[in-house]
Amino acid sequence: MFNKVMEEQKGYKYLDVAPRTLTAQAHRPGYGSDGDYFAKPNVEDVLRVVKEMMGE
C-alpha cells in the first residue's frame, strides 16, 4: 500500500524528497544463516539509499 500511494500516485507532495522502498534482491535465497544477509536489505543497502536521497 505504501508503494502504491507514495511512489506510483506521488503522495509525497509535502516531503523534501520522494520516499523509496527497499526490498530484497531478486535471486535465489541462501539456506544457511549467512544467506539472509545477502537476500534481505542490509546496512550497506540502507546507507546507500539514504545517501542517494540526501543528495537530491
C-alpha atoms as a PDB file:
ATOM      1  CA  MET A   1       0.000   0.000   0.000  1.00  0.00           C
ATOM      2  CA  PHE A   2       2.863   2.386   0.819  1.00  0.00           C
ATOM      3  CA  ASN A   3       4.450   1.744  -2.567  1.00  0.00           C
ATOM      4  CA  LYS A   4       1.159   2.321  -4.379  1.00  0.00           C
ATOM      5  CA  VAL A   5       0.334   5.640  -2.677  1.00  0.00           C
ATOM      6  CA  MET A   6       3.777   7.179  -2.265  1.00  0.00           C
ATOM      7  CA  GLU A   7       5.672   6.025  -5.352  1.00  0.00           C
ATOM      8  CA  GLU A   8       3.019   5.381  -8.004  1.00  0.00           C
ATOM      9  CA  GLN A   9       0.475   8.076  -7.061  1.00  0.00           C
ATOM     10  CA  LYS A  10       3.112  10.633  -5.943  1.00  0.00           C
ATOM     11  CA  GLY A  11       1.598  11.054  -2.459  1.00  0.00           C
ATOM     12  CA  TYR A  12       4.756  12.720  -1.110  1.00  0.00           C
ATOM     13  CA  LYS A  13       3.772  16.264  -2.072  1.00  0.00           C
ATOM     14  CA  TYR A  14       4.813  17.842   1.251  1.00  0.00           C
ATOM     15  CA  LEU A  15       8.072  15.913   1.745  1.00  0.00           C
ATOM     16  CA  ASP A  16      11.513  17.192   0.723  1.00  0.00           C
ATOM     17  CA  VAL A  17      12.362  14.088  -1.303  1.00  0.00           C
ATOM     18  CA  ALA A  18      10.371  11.160  -2.661  1.00  0.00           C
ATOM     19  CA  PRO A  19      10.369   8.135  -0.317  1.00  0.00           C
ATOM     20  CA  ARG A  20      11.731   4.835  -1.564  1.00  0.00           C
ATOM     21  CA  THR A  21      11.035   1.247  -0.690  1.00  0.00           C
ATOM     22  CA  LEU A  22      13.969  -1.070  -0.146  1.00  0.00           C
ATOM     23  CA  THR A  23      13.201  -4.706  -0.937  1.00  0.00           C
ATOM     24  CA  ALA A  24      15.085  -7.985  -1.111  1.00  0.00           C
ATOM     25  CA  GLN A  25      17.336  -8.723  -4.061  1.00  0.00           C
ATOM     26  CA  ALA A  26      15.964 -10.773  -6.960  1.00  0.00           C
ATOM     27  CA  HIS A  27      17.821 -14.084  -6.585  1.00  0.00           C
ATOM     28  CA  ARG A  28      17.505 -17.495  -5.006  1.00  0.00           C
ATOM     29  CA  PRO A  29      17.786 -17.143  -1.229  1.00  0.00           C
ATOM     30  CA  GLY A  30      20.537 -18.955   0.619  1.00  0.00           C
ATOM     31  CA  TYR A  31      19.574 -21.656   3.092  1.00  0.00           C
ATOM     32  CA  GLY A  32      22.414 -21.011   5.511  1.00  0.00           C
ATOM     33  CA  SER A  33      22.352 -18.387   8.238  1.00  0.00           C
ATOM     34  CA  ASP A  34      24.603 -16.076   6.201  1.00  0.00           C
ATOM     35  CA  GLY A  35      22.210 -16.181   3.206  1.00  0.00           C
ATOM     36  CA  ASP A  36      19.814 -13.760   4.910  1.00  0.00           C
ATOM     37  CA  TYR A  37      22.451 -11.027   4.928  1.00  0.00           C
ATOM     38  CA  PHE A  38      22.657 -11.027   1.131  1.00  0.00           C
ATOM     39  CA  ALA A  39      18.977 -11.758   0.435  1.00  0.00           C
ATOM     40  CA  LYS A  40      17.433  -9.056   2.622  1.00  0.00           C
ATOM     41  CA  PRO A  41      18.302  -5.343   2.672  1.00  0.00           C
ATOM     42  CA  ASN A  42      21.387  -4.939   4.835  1.00  0.00           C
ATOM     43  CA  VAL A  43      23.088  -1.962   6.474  1.00  0.00           C
ATOM     44  CA  GLU A  44      25.097  -1.075   3.361  1.00  0.00           C
ATOM     45  CA  ASP A  45      21.933  -1.023   1.200  1.00  0.00           C
ATOM     46  CA  VAL A  46      20.107   1.231   3.642  1.00  0.00           C
ATOM     47  CA  LEU A  47      23.033   3.656   3.924  1.00  0.00           C
ATOM     48  CA  ARG A  48      23.413   3.770   0.132  1.00  0.00           C
ATOM     49  CA  VAL A  49      19.750   4.673  -0.376  1.00  0.00           C
ATOM     50  CA  VAL A  50      19.812   7.287   2.419  1.00  0.00           C
ATOM     51  CA  LYS A  51      22.895   8.935   0.886  1.00  0.00           C
ATOM     52  CA  GLU A  52      21.206   8.969  -2.535  1.00  0.00           C
ATOM     53  CA  MET A  53      18.123  10.603  -1.024  1.00  0.00           C
ATOM     54  CA  MET A  54      20.224  13.207   0.792  1.00  0.00           C
ATOM     55  CA  GLY A  55      21.957  14.064  -2.478  1.00  0.00           C
ATOM     56  CA  GLU A  56      18.703  15.030  -4.188  1.00  0.00           C
END
